[in-house]
Amino acid sequence: MQIRDVSDATERTLKARAEREGKSLTAYVRDLLNEEAATPTLDEVMTRIAAVSPCAGNGGRSAGR
């Protein structure tokens, strides 16, 4: 994977953050990408919720009513 057209300011910021964490820029960006990929988007969460069948036994009422 290659990323082009990253501004100098962005590169400097990422390099500084990587250095503070004792990582290479490659390792730091890889960790960022892995974390991003592991976090579901709102659309993905909503799709998962919609796929779950509603709880039976409450007659469509909220708990506590």
PDB file of N, CA and C in Angstrom:
ATOM      1  N   MET A   1       0.852  -1.172   0.000  1.00  0.00           N
ATOM      2  CA  MET A   1       0.000   0.000   0.000  1.00  0.00           C
ATOM      3  C   MET A   1       0.896   1.233   0.000  1.00  0.00           C
ATOM      4  N   GLN A   2       0.541   2.171  -0.819  1.00  0.00           N
ATOM      5  CA  GLN A   2       1.256   3.438  -0.849  1.00  0.00           C
ATOM      6  C   GLN A   2       0.235   4.558  -0.690  1.00  0.00           C
ATOM      7  N   ILE A   3       0.635   5.585   0.014  1.00  0.00           N
ATOM      8  CA  ILE A   3      -0.236   6.745   0.187  1.00  0.00           C
ATOM      9  C   ILE A   3       0.498   7.950  -0.371  1.00  0.00           C
ATOM     10  N   ARG A   4      -0.131   8.589  -1.321  1.00  0.00           N
ATOM     11  CA  ARG A   4       0.484   9.747  -1.969  1.00  0.00           C
ATOM     12  C   ARG A   4      -0.231  11.023  -1.539  1.00  0.00           C
ATOM     13  N   ASP A   5       0.414  12.132  -1.822  1.00  0.00           N
ATOM     14  CA  ASP A   5      -0.155  13.465  -1.615  1.00  0.00           C
ATOM     15  C   ASP A   5      -0.510  13.749  -0.156  1.00  0.00           C
ATOM     16  N   VAL A   6       0.322  13.259   0.759  1.00  0.00           N
ATOM     17  CA  VAL A   6       0.168  13.590   2.177  1.00  0.00           C
ATOM     18  C   VAL A   6       0.948  14.882   2.403  1.00  0.00           C
ATOM     19  N   SER A   7       0.324  15.836   3.041  1.00  0.00           N
ATOM     20  CA  SER A   7       0.996  17.122   3.250  1.00  0.00           C
ATOM     21  C   SER A   7       2.206  16.947   4.164  1.00  0.00           C
ATOM     22  N   ASP A   8       3.161  17.849   4.017  1.00  0.00           N
ATOM     23  CA  ASP A   8       4.361  17.817   4.861  1.00  0.00           C
ATOM     24  C   ASP A   8       3.991  17.951   6.332  1.00  0.00           C
ATOM     25  N   ALA A   9       3.025  18.803   6.622  1.00  0.00           N
ATOM     26  CA  ALA A   9       2.604  19.004   8.011  1.00  0.00           C
ATOM     27  C   ALA A   9       2.027  17.725   8.600  1.00  0.00           C
ATOM     28  N   THR A  10       1.222  17.018   7.822  1.00  0.00           N
ATOM     29  CA  THR A  10       0.643  15.755   8.293  1.00  0.00           C
ATOM     30  C   THR A  10       1.734  14.728   8.532  1.00  0.00           C
ATOM     31  N   GLU A  11       2.663  14.639   7.614  1.00  0.00           N
ATOM     32  CA  GLU A  11       3.767  13.680   7.762  1.00  0.00           C
ATOM     33  C   GLU A  11       4.603  13.989   8.998  1.00  0.00           C
ATOM     34  N   ARG A  12       4.895  15.270   9.216  1.00  0.00           N
ATOM     35  CA  ARG A  12       5.668  15.662  10.402  1.00  0.00           C
ATOM     36  C   ARG A  12       4.930  15.286  11.682  1.00  0.00           C
ATOM     37  N   THR A  13       3.628  15.551  11.716  1.00  0.00           N
ATOM     38  CA  THR A  13       2.815  15.234  12.889  1.00  0.00           C
ATOM     39  C   THR A  13       2.810  13.738  13.169  1.00  0.00           C
ATOM     40  N   LEU A  14       2.601  12.932  12.131  1.00  0.00           N
ATOM     41  CA  LEU A  14       2.573  11.484  12.311  1.00  0.00           C
ATOM     42  C   LEU A  14       3.932  10.944  12.728  1.00  0.00           C
ATOM     43  N   LYS A  15       5.001  11.484  12.150  1.00  0.00           N
ATOM     44  CA  LYS A  15       6.348  11.053  12.532  1.00  0.00           C
ATOM     45  C   LYS A  15       6.618  11.382  14.000  1.00  0.00           C
ATOM     46  N   ALA A  16       6.207  12.560  14.441  1.00  0.00           N
ATOM     47  CA  ALA A  16       6.415  12.958  15.836  1.00  0.00           C
ATOM     48  C   ALA A  16       5.614  12.054  16.779  1.00  0.00           C
ATOM     49  N   ARG A  17       4.386  11.735  16.413  1.00  0.00           N
ATOM     50  CA  ARG A  17       3.574  10.846  17.253  1.00  0.00           C
ATOM     51  C   ARG A  17       4.171   9.449  17.305  1.00  0.00           C
ATOM     52  N   ALA A  18       4.643   8.979  16.176  1.00  0.00           N
ATOM     53  CA  ALA A  18       5.276   7.658  16.122  1.00  0.00           C
ATOM     54  C   ALA A  18       6.513   7.629  17.014  1.00  0.00           C
ATOM     55  N   GLU A  19       7.300   8.666  16.925  1.00  0.00           N
ATOM     56  CA  GLU A  19       8.520   8.738  17.734  1.00  0.00           C
ATOM     57  C   GLU A  19       8.192   8.738  19.222  1.00  0.00           C
ATOM     58  N   ARG A  20       7.160   9.478  19.623  1.00  0.00           N
ATOM     59  CA  ARG A  20       6.763   9.514  21.036  1.00  0.00           C
ATOM     60  C   ARG A  20       6.327   8.136  21.538  1.00  0.00           C
ATOM     61  N   GLU A  21       5.812   7.317  20.642  1.00  0.00           N
ATOM     62  CA  GLU A  21       5.378   5.965  21.018  1.00  0.00           C
ATOM     63  C   GLU A  21       6.473   4.926  20.785  1.00  0.00           C
ATOM     64  N   GLY A  22       7.643   5.386  20.348  1.00  0.00           N
ATOM     65  CA  GLY A  22       8.758   4.481  20.130  1.00  0.00           C
ATOM     66  C   GLY A  22       8.554   3.563  18.934  1.00  0.00           C
ATOM     67  N   LYS A  23       7.826   4.049  17.931  1.00  0.00           N
ATOM     68  CA  LYS A  23       7.527   3.250  16.745  1.00  0.00           C
ATOM     69  C   LYS A  23       8.065   3.936  15.502  1.00  0.00           C
ATOM     70  N   SER A  24       8.242   3.135  14.473  1.00  0.00           N
ATOM     71  CA  SER A  24       8.549   3.713  13.166  1.00  0.00           C
ATOM     72  C   SER A  24       7.257   4.327  12.616  1.00  0.00           C
ATOM     73  N   LEU A  25       7.399   5.183  11.636  1.00  0.00           N
ATOM     74  CA  LEU A  25       6.213   5.762  11.006  1.00  0.00           C
ATOM     75  C   LEU A  25       5.343   4.667  10.404  1.00  0.00           C
ATOM     76  N   THR A  26       5.985   3.680   9.776  1.00  0.00           N
ATOM     77  CA  THR A  26       5.237   2.574   9.174  1.00  0.00           C
ATOM     78  C   THR A  26       4.432   1.815  10.223  1.00  0.00           C
ATOM     79  N   ALA A  27       5.060   1.480  11.341  1.00  0.00           N
ATOM     80  CA  ALA A  27       4.365   0.741  12.403  1.00  0.00           C
ATOM     81  C   ALA A  27       3.231   1.576  12.985  1.00  0.00           C
ATOM     82  N   TYR A  28       3.470   2.868  13.177  1.00  0.00           N
ATOM     83  CA  TYR A  28       2.443   3.740  13.747  1.00  0.00           C
ATOM     84  C   TYR A  28       1.222   3.828  12.823  1.00  0.00           C
ATOM     85  N   VAL A  29       1.456   4.058  11.547  1.00  0.00           N
ATOM     86  CA  VAL A  29       0.347   4.174  10.586  1.00  0.00           C
ATOM     87  C   VAL A  29      -0.360   2.827  10.428  1.00  0.00           C
ATOM     88  N   ARG A  30       0.395   1.735  10.434  1.00  0.00           N
ATOM     89  CA  ARG A  30      -0.215   0.400  10.355  1.00  0.00           C
ATOM     90  C   ARG A  30      -1.147   0.182  11.546  1.00  0.00           C
ATOM     91  N   ASP A  31      -0.699   0.563  12.745  1.00  0.00           N
ATOM     92  CA  ASP A  31      -1.549   0.421  13.931  1.00  0.00           C
ATOM     93  C   ASP A  31      -2.807   1.278  13.821  1.00  0.00           C
ATOM     94  N   LEU A  32      -2.674   2.490  13.299  1.00  0.00           N
ATOM     95  CA  LEU A  32      -3.842   3.351  13.084  1.00  0.00           C
ATOM     96  C   LEU A  32      -4.833   2.700  12.128  1.00  0.00           C
ATOM     97  N   LEU A  33      -4.328   2.151  11.044  1.00  0.00           N
ATOM     98  CA  LEU A  33      -5.192   1.510  10.056  1.00  0.00           C
ATOM     99  C   LEU A  33      -5.868   0.261  10.627  1.00  0.00           C
ATOM    100  N   ASN A  34      -5.122  -0.540  11.379  1.00  0.00           N
ATOM    101  CA  ASN A  34      -5.711  -1.732  11.999  1.00  0.00           C
ATOM    102  C   ASN A  34      -6.818  -1.362  12.985  1.00  0.00           C
ATOM    103  N   GLU A  35      -6.576  -0.322  13.768  1.00  0.00           N
ATOM    104  CA  GLU A  35      -7.581   0.142  14.732  1.00  0.00           C
ATOM    105  C   GLU A  35      -8.828   0.653  14.010  1.00  0.00           C
ATOM    106  N   GLU A  36      -8.614   1.401  12.951  1.00  0.00           N
ATOM    107  CA  GLU A  36      -9.747   1.928  12.165  1.00  0.00           C
ATOM    108  C   GLU A  36     -10.553   0.789  11.556  1.00  0.00           C
ATOM    109  N   ALA A  37      -9.876  -0.201  11.011  1.00  0.00           N
ATOM    110  CA  ALA A  37     -10.562  -1.326  10.378  1.00  0.00           C
ATOM    111  C   ALA A  37     -11.323  -2.171  11.397  1.00  0.00           C
ATOM    112  N   ALA A  38     -10.843  -2.227  12.623  1.00  0.00           N
ATOM    113  CA  ALA A  38     -11.483  -3.038  13.667  1.00  0.00           C
ATOM    114  C   ALA A  38     -12.690  -2.346  14.295  1.00  0.00           C
ATOM    115  N   THR A  39     -12.830  -1.058  14.065  1.00  0.00           N
ATOM    116  CA  THR A  39     -13.934  -0.294  14.645  1.00  0.00           C
ATOM    117  C   THR A  39     -15.066  -0.200  13.630  1.00  0.00           C
ATOM    118  N   PRO A  40     -16.244  -0.768  13.958  1.00  0.00           N
ATOM    119  CA  PRO A  40     -17.335  -0.716  12.985  1.00  0.00           C
ATOM    120  C   PRO A  40     -17.853   0.708  12.794  1.00  0.00           C
ATOM    121  N   THR A  41     -18.281   0.995  11.567  1.00  0.00           N
ATOM    122  CA  THR A  41     -18.888   2.291  11.281  1.00  0.00           C
ATOM    123  C   THR A  41     -20.307   2.307  11.841  1.00  0.00           C
ATOM    124  N   LEU A  42     -20.896   3.460  11.910  1.00  0.00           N
ATOM    125  CA  LEU A  42     -22.272   3.570  12.376  1.00  0.00           C
ATOM    126  C   LEU A  42     -23.201   2.758  11.485  1.00  0.00           C
ATOM    127  N   ASP A  43     -23.000   2.814  10.183  1.00  0.00           N
ATOM    128  CA  ASP A  43     -23.820   2.025   9.254  1.00  0.00           C
ATOM    129  C   ASP A  43     -23.692   0.529   9.525  1.00  0.00           C
ATOM    130  N   GLU A  44     -22.466   0.066   9.802  1.00  0.00           N
ATOM    131  CA  GLU A  44     -22.262  -1.349  10.100  1.00  0.00           C
ATOM    132  C   GLU A  44     -22.967  -1.751  11.396  1.00  0.00           C
ATOM    133  N   VAL A  45     -22.899  -0.900  12.401  1.00  0.00           N
ATOM    134  CA  VAL A  45     -23.582  -1.175  13.669  1.00  0.00           C
ATOM    135  C   VAL A  45     -25.095  -1.224  13.451  1.00  0.00           C
ATOM    136  N   MET A  46     -25.616  -0.264  12.712  1.00  0.00           N
ATOM    137  CA  MET A  46     -27.058  -0.221  12.472  1.00  0.00           C
ATOM    138  C   MET A  46     -27.522  -1.446  11.681  1.00  0.00           C
ATOM    139  N   THR A  47     -26.717  -1.898  10.735  1.00  0.00           N
ATOM    140  CA  THR A  47     -27.050  -3.098   9.966  1.00  0.00           C
ATOM    141  C   THR A  47     -27.094  -4.320  10.872  1.00  0.00           C
ATOM    142  N   ARG A  48     -26.138  -4.417  11.784  1.00  0.00           N
ATOM    143  CA  ARG A  48     -26.125  -5.540  12.722  1.00  0.00           C
ATOM    144  C   ARG A  48     -27.341  -5.505  13.643  1.00  0.00           C
ATOM    145  N   ILE A  49     -27.686  -4.328  14.108  1.00  0.00           N
ATOM    146  CA  ILE A  49     -28.855  -4.191  14.989  1.00  0.00           C
ATOM    147  C   ILE A  49     -30.121  -4.587  14.243  1.00  0.00           C
ATOM    148  N   ALA A  50     -30.252  -4.135  13.006  1.00  0.00           N
ATOM    149  CA  ALA A  50     -31.446  -4.443  12.214  1.00  0.00           C
ATOM    150  C   ALA A  50     -31.557  -5.933  11.931  1.00  0.00           C
ATOM    151  N   ALA A  51     -30.435  -6.634  11.894  1.00  0.00           N
ATOM    152  CA  ALA A  51     -30.442  -8.063  11.594  1.00  0.00           C
ATOM    153  C   ALA A  51     -30.861  -8.911  12.798  1.00  0.00           C
ATOM    154  N   VAL A  52     -30.810  -8.316  13.982  1.00  0.00           N
ATOM    155  CA  VAL A  52     -31.181  -9.052  15.201  1.00  0.00           C
ATOM    156  C   VAL A  52     -32.694  -8.999  15.359  1.00  0.00           C
ATOM    157  N   SER A  53     -33.299 -10.168  15.619  1.00  0.00           N
ATOM    158  CA  SER A  53     -34.755 -10.166  15.790  1.00  0.00           C
ATOM    159  C   SER A  53     -35.114  -9.513  17.116  1.00  0.00           C
ATOM    160  N   PRO A  54     -36.273  -8.876  17.162  1.00  0.00           N
ATOM    161  CA  PRO A  54     -36.692  -8.206  18.394  1.00  0.00           C
ATOM    162  C   PRO A  54     -36.885  -9.228  19.522  1.00  0.00           C
ATOM    163  N   CYS A  55     -36.720  -8.768  20.725  1.00  0.00           N
ATOM    164  CA  CYS A  55     -36.888  -9.631  21.899  1.00  0.00           C
ATOM    165  C   CYS A  55     -38.341 -10.053  22.016  1.00  0.00           C
ATOM    166  N   ALA A  56     -38.567 -11.338  22.246  1.00  0.00           N
ATOM    167  CA  ALA A  56     -39.925 -11.856  22.409  1.00  0.00           C
ATOM    168  C   ALA A  56     -40.364 -11.672  23.850  1.00  0.00           C
ATOM    169  N   GLY A  57     -41.659 -11.581  24.066  1.00  0.00           N
ATOM    170  CA  GLY A  57     -42.200 -11.594  25.402  1.00  0.00           C
ATOM    171  C   GLY A  57     -42.504 -10.234  25.992  1.00  0.00           C
ATOM    172  N   ASN A  58     -42.144  -9.150  25.329  1.00  0.00           N
ATOM    173  CA  ASN A  58     -42.476  -7.849  25.919  1.00  0.00           C
ATOM    174  C   ASN A  58     -43.610  -7.162  25.185  1.00  0.00           C
ATOM    175  N   GLY A  59     -44.174  -7.838  24.197  1.00  0.00           N
ATOM    176  CA  GLY A  59     -45.322  -7.275  23.484  1.00  0.00           C
ATOM    177  C   GLY A  59     -45.028  -5.959  22.817  1.00  0.00           C
ATOM    178  N   GLY A  60     -43.778  -5.688  22.551  1.00  0.00           N
ATOM    179  CA  GLY A  60     -43.416  -4.439  21.889  1.00  0.00           C
ATOM    180  C   GLY A  60     -43.299  -3.263  22.841  1.00  0.00           C
ATOM    181  N   ARG A  61     -43.521  -3.526  24.136  1.00  0.00           N
ATOM    182  CA  ARG A  61     -43.428  -2.433  25.115  1.00  0.00           C
ATOM    183  C   ARG A  61     -42.018  -2.312  25.634  1.00  0.00           C
ATOM    184  N   SER A  62     -41.670  -1.134  26.063  1.00  0.00           N
ATOM    185  CA  SER A  62     -40.358  -0.907  26.676  1.00  0.00           C
ATOM    186  C   SER A  62     -40.342  -1.526  28.046  1.00  0.00           C
ATOM    187  N   ALA A  63     -39.165  -1.885  28.512  1.00  0.00           N
ATOM    188  CA  ALA A  63     -39.028  -2.457  29.859  1.00  0.00           C
ATOM    189  C   ALA A  63     -39.456  -1.430  30.883  1.00  0.00           C
ATOM    190  N   GLY A  64     -40.105  -1.921  31.927  1.00  0.00           N
ATOM    191  CA  GLY A  64     -40.501  -1.036  33.021  1.00  0.00           C
ATOM    192  C   GLY A  64     -41.854  -0.395  32.844  1.00  0.00           C
ATOM    193  N   ARG A  65     -42.572  -0.718  31.770  1.00  0.00           N
ATOM    194  CA  ARG A  65     -43.897  -0.114  31.579  1.00  0.00           C
ATOM    195  C   ARG A  65     -44.961  -1.117  31.797  1.00  0.00           C
TER     196      ARG A  65
END
